[in-house]
Protein backbone atom coordinates (compact mmCIF):
# COMPACT_ATOMS: atom_id res chain seq x y z
CA MET A 1 -0.33 0.03 -0.02
CA ASP A 2 1.82 2.95 -1.41
CA ALA A 3 -0.68 5.86 -0.43
CA VAL A 4 -4.60 6.07 1.06
CA VAL A 5 -6.70 9.10 -0.47
CA PHE A 6 -9.67 10.66 0.37
CA ASP A 7 -12.88 11.71 -1.62
CA LEU A 8 -13.91 14.99 0.22
CA ASP A 9 -17.26 15.15 -0.32
CA GLY A 10 -19.44 12.63 1.21
CA VAL A 11 -16.74 11.13 3.13
CA LEU A 12 -15.19 13.40 4.72
CA VAL A 13 -17.86 16.07 4.95
CA ASP A 14 -21.70 15.67 4.59
CA SER A 15 -22.15 18.21 2.49
CA GLU A 16 -24.19 16.40 -0.52
CA GLN A 17 -27.08 17.66 0.38
CA THR A 18 -25.46 21.41 1.16
CA TRP A 19 -24.21 21.52 -3.13
CA ASP A 20 -27.29 20.38 -3.91
CA GLU A 21 -29.51 22.83 -2.16
CA VAL A 22 -27.21 25.63 -3.02
CA ARG A 23 -27.08 24.39 -6.89
CA ARG A 24 -31.09 24.78 -6.91
CA ALA A 25 -31.18 27.59 -5.76
CA VAL A 26 -29.22 29.55 -8.26
CA THR A 27 -30.59 27.55 -10.54
CA ALA A 28 -33.67 28.66 -9.23
CA GLU A 29 -33.27 32.34 -9.23
CA HIS A 30 -32.24 32.37 -12.51
CA GLY A 31 -34.76 30.57 -14.55
CA GLY A 32 -33.31 26.92 -14.91
CA THR A 33 -34.94 23.80 -14.63
CA TRP A 34 -34.10 21.32 -11.88
CA ASP A 35 -35.37 17.53 -13.12
CA GLY A 36 -35.07 16.07 -9.36
CA GLU A 37 -32.95 13.50 -7.99
CA ARG A 38 -31.59 13.06 -11.96
CA THR A 39 -29.92 16.52 -12.07
CA THR A 40 -28.69 15.62 -8.55
CA ARG A 41 -26.94 12.31 -9.94
CA ALA A 42 -26.05 13.65 -12.94
CA LEU A 43 -24.06 16.39 -11.03
CA MET A 44 -22.13 14.24 -8.77
CA GLY A 45 -18.42 13.84 -9.65
CA MET A 46 -18.37 16.50 -11.69
CA SER A 47 -15.27 19.14 -12.20
CA THR A 48 -16.63 22.74 -11.69
CA PRO A 49 -16.58 23.73 -15.58
CA GLU A 50 -18.04 21.06 -16.39
CA TRP A 51 -21.57 21.22 -13.52
CA ALA A 52 -21.41 25.20 -14.34
CA ALA A 53 -21.58 24.27 -17.78
CA TYR A 54 -24.31 21.54 -17.60
CA LEU A 55 -26.52 24.31 -15.56
CA ALA A 56 -26.15 26.34 -18.47
CA THR A 57 -26.48 24.37 -21.24
CA GLU A 58 -28.53 21.28 -20.22
CA ARG A 59 -30.97 23.05 -17.13
CA GLY A 60 -31.72 26.18 -18.73
CA VAL A 61 -29.92 28.11 -16.47
CA ARG A 62 -29.88 32.23 -17.94
CA LEU A 63 -26.06 32.99 -17.13
CA PRO A 64 -22.64 32.23 -18.41
CA PRO A 65 -21.15 29.07 -16.83
CA ASP A 66 -18.08 31.30 -14.68
CA ALA A 67 -20.93 33.66 -13.17
CA ILE A 68 -23.05 30.13 -12.11
CA ALA A 69 -19.59 28.47 -10.61
CA GLU A 70 -19.04 32.28 -8.73
CA LEU A 71 -22.62 32.22 -7.54
CA VAL A 72 -22.58 28.82 -6.13
CA VAL A 73 -19.07 28.28 -4.98
CA ASP A 74 -19.61 31.61 -3.16
CA GLY A 75 -22.97 30.10 -1.20
CA MET A 76 -20.84 26.76 -0.11
CA VAL A 77 -18.09 29.42 1.31
CA ARG A 78 -20.66 30.78 3.05
CA ARG A 79 -22.46 27.47 4.38
CA TYR A 80 -19.28 27.00 5.50
CA ALA A 81 -18.69 29.85 7.62
CA GLU A 82 -19.63 28.27 10.82
CA GLY A 83 -17.17 25.11 10.24
CA PRO A 84 -17.89 22.67 7.19
CA PRO A 85 -19.99 19.93 8.19
CA LEU A 86 -17.96 16.86 8.98
CA LEU A 87 -18.82 13.51 8.95
CA PRO A 88 -18.29 11.13 12.33
CA ASP A 89 -14.51 9.89 12.90
CA ALA A 90 -13.14 11.64 9.60
CA VAL A 91 -10.55 13.46 11.22
CA GLU A 92 -9.24 10.72 12.85
CA ALA A 93 -9.91 8.23 9.83
CA VAL A 94 -7.02 10.82 8.27
CA ARG A 95 -4.90 10.73 10.75
CA ALA A 96 -5.04 7.33 11.41
CA ALA A 97 -4.41 6.58 7.75
CA ALA A 98 -1.23 9.37 7.51
CA ARG A 99 0.54 7.31 10.46
CA ARG A 100 0.69 4.67 8.15
CA CYS A 101 1.52 5.83 4.98
CA PRO A 102 1.08 9.09 2.92
CA VAL A 103 -2.48 10.38 1.92
CA ALA A 104 -3.85 12.76 0.01
CA ILE A 105 -7.77 14.19 -1.09
CA ALA A 106 -8.85 13.76 -4.56
CA SER A 107 -12.32 16.15 -4.96
CA SER A 108 -14.23 17.34 -6.74
CA SER A 109 -14.91 20.48 -4.88
CA PRO A 110 -13.21 23.98 -6.24
CA PRO A 111 -9.91 24.09 -4.62
CA ALA A 112 -11.04 27.29 -2.12
CA LEU A 113 -13.18 25.27 -0.14
CA ILE A 114 -10.34 21.87 0.07
CA ALA A 115 -7.94 24.39 1.74
CA GLU A 116 -11.03 25.98 4.00
CA VAL A 117 -11.72 22.34 5.05
CA LEU A 118 -8.05 21.21 5.32
CA ARG A 119 -7.36 24.70 7.05
CA VAL A 120 -10.37 24.20 9.65
CA THR A 121 -9.94 20.69 10.36
CA GLY A 122 -6.25 20.72 10.72
CA LEU A 123 -5.57 18.70 8.50
CA ASP A 124 -2.98 20.37 6.96
CA ASP A 125 -0.19 18.87 8.42
CA VAL A 126 -1.03 15.41 7.51
CA VAL A 127 -2.53 15.68 3.95
CA LYS A 128 0.54 16.85 1.54
CA VAL A 129 -1.24 16.81 -1.32
CA ALA A 130 -5.19 17.94 -2.13
CA LEU A 131 -5.99 18.07 -5.39
CA SER A 132 -9.31 19.22 -7.21
CA SER A 133 -10.59 17.42 -10.46
CA GLU A 134 -11.21 21.52 -11.93
CA LEU A 135 -7.19 21.31 -12.07
CA THR A 136 -6.10 18.22 -12.96
CA GLY A 137 -8.75 17.11 -16.46
CA ALA A 138 -11.84 16.07 -16.76
CA GLY A 139 -14.00 15.07 -13.27
CA LYS A 140 -15.12 12.06 -12.40
CA PRO A 141 -16.37 9.49 -13.49
CA ALA A 142 -12.37 10.26 -15.89
CA PRO A 143 -9.67 9.03 -13.57
CA ASP A 144 -7.86 11.94 -13.56
CA VAL A 145 -7.97 13.76 -10.32
CA TYR A 146 -6.94 10.68 -8.87
CA LEU A 147 -4.06 9.86 -10.86
CA ALA A 148 -2.60 13.11 -10.40
CA ALA A 149 -2.64 12.16 -6.81
CA ALA A 150 -0.95 9.32 -7.16
CA LYS A 151 1.41 11.04 -9.40
CA ALA A 152 2.24 14.20 -6.85
CA LEU A 153 2.86 11.03 -4.03
CA GLY A 154 4.72 9.41 -6.43
CA ALA A 155 2.99 6.14 -5.49
CA ASP A 156 1.46 3.23 -8.11
CA PRO A 157 -2.18 3.82 -8.29
CA ALA A 158 -2.75 0.40 -8.48
CA ALA A 159 -1.12 0.01 -4.67
CA CYS A 160 -3.42 3.00 -3.59
CA VAL A 161 -6.30 2.67 -1.54
CA ALA A 162 -8.80 5.33 -2.45
CA VAL A 163 -12.08 5.82 -0.29
CA GLU A 164 -15.41 7.33 -2.25
CA ASP A 165 -19.03 7.14 -1.36
CA SER A 166 -20.61 7.97 -5.11
CA THR A 167 -21.57 6.35 -8.12
CA ASN A 168 -19.22 8.49 -10.21
CA GLY A 169 -16.47 8.36 -7.43
CA ILE A 170 -16.39 4.61 -7.40
CA LYS A 171 -15.72 4.44 -10.83
CA ALA A 172 -12.85 7.65 -10.98
CA ALA A 173 -11.31 5.12 -9.03
CA LEU A 174 -11.61 1.70 -10.19
CA ASN A 175 -10.72 3.78 -13.50
CA ALA A 176 -7.51 4.66 -12.21
CA GLY A 177 -6.71 1.06 -11.35
CA MET A 178 -7.14 1.59 -7.25
CA ILE A 179 -7.90 -0.20 -4.41
CA VAL A 180 -11.20 1.55 -3.65
CA VAL A 181 -13.18 1.63 -0.89
CA ALA A 182 -16.71 2.20 -1.08
CA VAL A 183 -18.56 4.37 1.89
CA PRO A 184 -22.17 4.80 0.70
CA ASN A 185 -23.57 8.22 0.64
CA ALA A 186 -26.77 7.68 2.80
CA HIS A 187 -28.50 10.33 1.12
CA PHE A 188 -27.97 9.79 -2.39
CA PRO A 189 -26.60 5.68 -2.57
CA PRO A 190 -24.44 4.72 -5.49
CA ASP A 191 -25.39 2.06 -7.60
CA PRO A 192 -25.33 -0.92 -6.34
CA GLN A 193 -23.32 -2.36 -9.56
CA VAL A 194 -21.23 -0.16 -9.09
CA VAL A 195 -20.38 -0.70 -5.53
CA ALA A 196 -19.90 -4.26 -5.93
CA GLN A 197 -16.83 -3.08 -8.14
CA ALA A 198 -15.24 -2.43 -4.68
CA ALA A 199 -12.90 -4.03 -2.81
CA THR A 200 -15.30 -3.40 0.49
CA VAL A 201 -17.84 -1.71 1.29
CA ILE A 202 -18.23 0.15 4.51
CA SER A 203 -20.76 1.96 6.86
CA GLY A 204 -18.75 5.10 7.68
CA VAL A 205 -14.95 6.32 7.45
CA GLY A 206 -14.14 5.34 10.68
CA GLN A 207 -13.95 1.53 9.51
CA LEU A 208 -11.32 2.38 7.30
CA SER A 209 -8.03 1.10 9.72
CA THR A 210 -9.92 -2.37 9.91
CA PHE A 211 -9.26 -2.43 6.18
CA LEU A 212 -6.52 -1.25 6.38
CA ASP A 213 -5.15 -3.36 9.11
CA GLY A 214 -5.79 -6.43 6.40
CA LEU A 215 -4.36 -4.89 3.28
CA SER A 216 -0.76 -4.41 5.90
CA ARG A 217 -0.70 -8.13 7.05
CA PRO A 218 1.42 -10.60 5.41
């Protein structure tokens, strides 16, 4: 095991519902339509430029993509003002993994939100590589952000454990050739057929250490 690479939203931060609420509000305010859970699932894993373009072209938001992205990200920053909604055991899970091997973040969130979570939690002292898919190429399910994280760590993707919660996130980690631990999102459960391709399934990130113990045994 060369490294552990964590997704952020839905794995460490319970933010998928917040993203959904903020995007829905911007869509409604600027003349777009939201096709229920279908739209929510389509956006999960997309990079910022991708979901902003999708809202403009597919959902009819009457703003240029750059303006949509700015409004949504600003809304998320305001929602995070009192601290990000961390999931149980999230911080300790990252620290426990970091005691074994290098750790990274590979997220679809914009860099500013990733940096804020690391700053508030104090995890910036153990997470040396934190990448946003908007800076590494295509968003999830493309493997770009995971491959970039492995490269930045000097790690073999096939020897990296990826921790993911969504259909597109799990697909991205699988496409990168990583060992995937699925933590199914309780609010937006991933496709069972995709989850079945993971090396293991856990109900919370606090259970990750047990799986890593098994990998470490000869």
